[in-house]
Amino acid sequence: MNNEPRQVDVRPTKIRQTLRWTVQTLGLFAVWFAFSGHTEIEFLVVGAFVAVFGTALTHWLFAGDQEPRFRHVPYPFLWFVRGFFRSSLYLPWLLWEIALSNLHVAYLVLHPRLPVEPNLVEFETSLRSESAQVLLAQSITLTPGTVTVDVSGERFMVHCLSAKSRQGMEDGGIQRKVAGIFGEPAPDRVQLTDVVTVEQVLP
């Protein structure tokens, strides 16, 4: 299954744009409701307004910025079924990795000598689709000890808290898991490059 974006020259239809706005607004409102827990009408109205405003602001700020790069023909329904099944297997693995990383960070913080070795690294990912790259970036950030600092094309810049966090990035396990969801090539190992100059951060 190939998840490589299929480039087209047409802009999204009004129906697709409306559907995207609606799904994003409902998603933001669901997150707001989950964190607030209020069911009073005034809170619901405020939550709905914030969700609509957040969606409109996001599209106003980023409209035309990255969309042409990732514009593609909609994927078939079977692709979503496979992706959902593989994602359901990925989520427990990610939660387990988050739990292990939490223990590692707690050990570093509680250790009398505080044995942290912070470093900034970059690498080229084999993932090509927007969805896979976004999931990889978010998964790295959700795992304690690593933070995705920047993504430019296939180039990722990540801050690692310790040598163990860096080793986890080099192993490439998280990339292989994400690649498995989207049916993309997966690396055996990841070649990390230390970011030591300003030119590397701001090319």
Protein backbone atom coordinates (compact mmCIF):
# COMPACT_ATOMS: atom_id res chain seq x y z
CA MET A 1 0.00 0.00 0.00
CA ASN A 2 1.53 3.28 -1.08
CA ASN A 3 0.75 6.37 0.95
CA GLU A 4 2.81 8.74 -1.18
CA PRO A 5 0.78 11.92 -1.73
CA ARG A 6 -0.63 12.00 -5.25
CA GLN A 7 -0.18 15.55 -6.47
CA VAL A 8 -2.98 17.27 -8.35
CA ASP A 9 -3.46 20.81 -9.59
CA VAL A 10 -7.04 21.33 -8.46
CA ARG A 11 -8.00 23.00 -5.23
CA PRO A 12 -10.23 21.20 -2.69
CA THR A 13 -13.93 21.46 -3.49
CA LYS A 14 -16.29 23.50 -1.35
CA ILE A 15 -17.76 20.28 0.03
CA ARG A 16 -14.35 19.00 1.12
CA GLN A 17 -13.44 22.37 2.64
CA THR A 18 -16.73 22.53 4.54
CA LEU A 19 -16.29 18.97 5.77
CA ARG A 20 -12.73 19.71 6.91
CA TRP A 21 -13.82 22.85 8.79
CA THR A 22 -16.71 20.98 10.41
CA VAL A 23 -14.58 18.04 11.55
CA GLN A 24 -11.87 20.34 12.92
CA THR A 25 -14.42 22.50 14.77
CA LEU A 26 -16.14 19.48 16.30
CA GLY A 27 -12.77 18.05 17.28
CA LEU A 28 -11.74 21.28 19.03
CA PHE A 29 -15.10 21.49 20.79
CA ALA A 30 -14.78 17.87 21.95
CA VAL A 31 -11.33 18.60 23.42
CA TRP A 32 -12.65 21.73 25.14
CA PHE A 33 -15.61 19.83 26.59
CA ALA A 34 -13.41 16.95 27.77
CA PHE A 35 -11.14 19.32 29.69
CA SER A 36 -13.83 21.67 31.03
CA GLY A 37 -16.51 19.15 32.00
CA HIS A 38 -19.19 21.87 32.19
CA THR A 39 -22.64 21.24 30.72
CA GLU A 40 -24.20 24.63 31.44
CA ILE A 41 -25.50 26.33 28.32
CA GLU A 42 -23.29 29.42 28.72
CA PHE A 43 -20.15 27.26 28.88
CA LEU A 44 -21.26 25.25 25.85
CA VAL A 45 -21.86 28.43 23.86
CA VAL A 46 -18.44 29.79 24.81
CA GLY A 47 -16.81 26.46 23.92
CA ALA A 48 -18.54 26.38 20.55
CA PHE A 49 -17.48 29.97 19.83
CA VAL A 50 -13.86 29.24 20.77
CA ALA A 51 -13.84 26.12 18.55
CA VAL A 52 -15.21 28.04 15.55
CA PHE A 53 -12.82 30.95 16.15
CA GLY A 54 -9.84 28.60 16.54
CA THR A 55 -10.65 26.80 13.30
CA ALA A 56 -11.13 30.05 11.37
CA LEU A 57 -7.92 31.53 12.79
CA THR A 58 -5.92 28.43 11.92
CA HIS A 59 -7.12 28.41 8.32
CA TRP A 60 -6.54 32.16 7.99
CA LEU A 61 -2.98 31.90 9.29
CA PHE A 62 -1.92 28.86 7.30
CA ALA A 63 -4.08 29.02 4.17
CA GLY A 64 -1.92 28.51 1.09
CA ASP A 65 1.23 27.89 3.14
CA GLN A 66 1.64 24.12 3.05
CA GLU A 67 -1.53 22.94 1.30
CA PRO A 68 -0.12 22.84 -2.27
CA ARG A 69 2.65 20.52 -1.14
CA PHE A 70 0.27 17.94 0.30
CA ARG A 71 -2.69 18.33 -2.07
CA HIS A 72 -3.76 14.89 -3.25
CA VAL A 73 -6.63 12.77 -4.48
CA PRO A 74 -8.69 11.31 -1.59
CA TYR A 75 -7.57 7.86 -0.51
CA PRO A 76 -9.92 4.88 -0.94
CA PHE A 77 -12.07 3.73 1.97
CA LEU A 78 -10.06 0.52 2.36
CA TRP A 79 -6.97 2.63 3.13
CA PHE A 80 -8.76 4.19 6.11
CA VAL A 81 -9.90 0.76 7.35
CA ARG A 82 -6.32 -0.57 7.25
CA GLY A 83 -5.00 2.63 8.82
CA PHE A 84 -7.51 2.42 11.67
CA PHE A 85 -6.62 -1.20 12.39
CA ARG A 86 -2.88 -0.50 12.38
CA SER A 87 -3.37 2.63 14.50
CA SER A 88 -5.23 0.57 17.11
CA LEU A 89 -2.10 -1.58 17.40
CA TYR A 90 0.21 1.44 17.46
CA LEU A 91 -1.53 3.28 20.30
CA PRO A 92 -0.86 0.67 23.04
CA TRP A 93 2.80 0.51 21.95
CA LEU A 94 3.10 4.30 22.12
CA LEU A 95 1.47 4.43 25.56
CA TRP A 96 3.94 1.80 26.78
CA GLU A 97 6.87 3.80 25.42
CA ILE A 98 5.51 6.94 27.09
CA ALA A 99 5.28 5.10 30.41
CA LEU A 100 8.87 3.82 30.12
CA SER A 101 10.14 7.26 29.14
CA ASN A 102 8.32 8.79 32.12
CA LEU A 103 10.17 6.43 34.43
CA HIS A 104 13.47 7.32 32.77
CA VAL A 105 12.88 11.06 33.10
CA ALA A 106 11.81 10.60 36.73
CA TYR A 107 15.07 8.72 37.35
CA LEU A 108 17.09 11.56 35.82
CA VAL A 109 15.29 14.20 37.87
CA LEU A 110 15.53 12.30 41.17
CA HIS A 111 19.13 11.21 40.69
CA PRO A 112 21.48 13.22 42.98
CA ARG A 113 23.89 13.95 40.13
CA LEU A 114 21.14 14.76 37.61
CA PRO A 115 22.84 12.81 34.76
CA VAL A 116 21.24 14.62 31.84
CA GLU A 117 23.02 14.96 28.49
CA PRO A 118 20.85 17.36 26.46
CA ASN A 119 21.62 17.60 22.77
CA LEU A 120 19.96 18.77 19.59
CA VAL A 121 20.01 16.39 16.64
CA GLU A 122 18.59 16.22 13.14
CA PHE A 123 17.84 13.39 10.75
CA GLU A 124 16.22 12.65 7.41
CA THR A 125 13.07 10.54 7.67
CA SER A 126 12.02 7.96 5.10
CA LEU A 127 8.38 8.96 5.61
CA ARG A 128 7.00 10.97 2.71
CA SER A 129 3.33 11.65 3.43
CA GLU A 130 2.08 14.54 5.55
CA SER A 131 0.02 12.27 7.81
CA ALA A 132 2.96 10.00 8.62
CA GLN A 133 5.30 12.92 9.30
CA VAL A 134 2.77 14.63 11.57
CA LEU A 135 2.19 11.42 13.53
CA LEU A 136 5.94 10.89 13.90
CA ALA A 137 6.51 14.47 15.09
CA GLN A 138 3.68 14.29 17.61
CA SER A 139 4.72 10.85 18.86
CA ILE A 140 8.28 12.06 19.47
CA THR A 141 7.01 15.07 21.41
CA LEU A 142 4.55 13.01 23.45
CA THR A 143 7.36 10.70 24.57
CA PRO A 144 9.09 12.29 27.60
CA GLY A 145 12.75 13.04 26.97
CA THR A 146 12.38 14.01 23.33
CA VAL A 147 10.78 17.06 21.67
CA THR A 148 10.30 17.73 17.97
CA VAL A 149 11.75 21.21 17.47
CA ASP A 150 11.33 21.62 13.71
CA VAL A 151 10.16 19.74 10.63
CA SER A 152 11.22 20.91 7.16
CA GLY A 153 10.35 18.51 4.39
CA GLU A 154 11.87 15.17 5.39
CA ARG A 155 14.29 16.84 7.84
CA PHE A 156 13.44 16.50 11.53
CA MET A 157 15.15 18.38 14.36
CA VAL A 158 14.72 16.82 17.80
CA HIS A 159 15.91 17.75 21.29
CA CYS A 160 17.01 14.72 23.35
CA LEU A 161 17.30 14.94 27.13
CA SER A 162 19.77 12.11 27.66
CA ALA A 163 21.97 9.55 25.92
CA LYS A 164 19.22 6.97 26.29
CA SER A 165 16.70 9.29 24.63
CA ARG A 166 19.16 9.80 21.78
CA GLN A 167 19.69 6.05 21.44
CA GLY A 168 15.93 5.58 21.18
CA MET A 169 15.91 7.97 18.22
CA GLU A 170 18.82 6.15 16.55
CA ASP A 171 17.10 2.77 16.89
CA GLY A 172 14.33 4.03 14.61
CA GLY A 173 11.64 1.97 16.35
CA ILE A 174 9.11 4.77 16.39
CA GLN A 175 9.63 5.46 12.68
CA ARG A 176 9.15 1.78 11.83
CA LYS A 177 5.88 1.72 13.76
CA VAL A 178 4.58 4.84 12.03
CA ALA A 179 5.74 3.56 8.63
CA GLY A 180 3.80 0.35 9.29
CA ILE A 181 0.57 2.30 9.76
CA PHE A 182 0.89 4.13 6.46
CA GLY A 183 2.61 1.39 4.44
CA GLU A 184 5.76 3.43 3.82
CA PRO A 185 9.46 2.45 3.78
CA ALA A 186 10.95 1.98 7.24
CA PRO A 187 14.63 2.54 8.14
CA ASP A 188 16.68 -0.10 9.99
CA ARG A 189 18.46 2.65 11.90
CA VAL A 190 18.41 6.44 11.84
CA GLN A 191 21.53 8.49 11.14
CA LEU A 192 21.56 11.38 13.62
CA THR A 193 23.58 14.55 13.09
CA ASP A 194 24.41 16.83 16.01
CA VAL A 195 23.20 20.39 15.62
CA VAL A 196 26.09 22.55 16.86
CA THR A 197 25.89 25.73 14.76
CA VAL A 198 23.33 28.46 14.25
CA GLU A 199 23.45 27.80 10.49
CA GLN A 200 22.08 24.31 11.06
CA VAL A 201 19.13 25.70 13.01
CA LEU A 202 18.48 28.57 10.60
CA PRO A 203 19.63 27.40 7.16
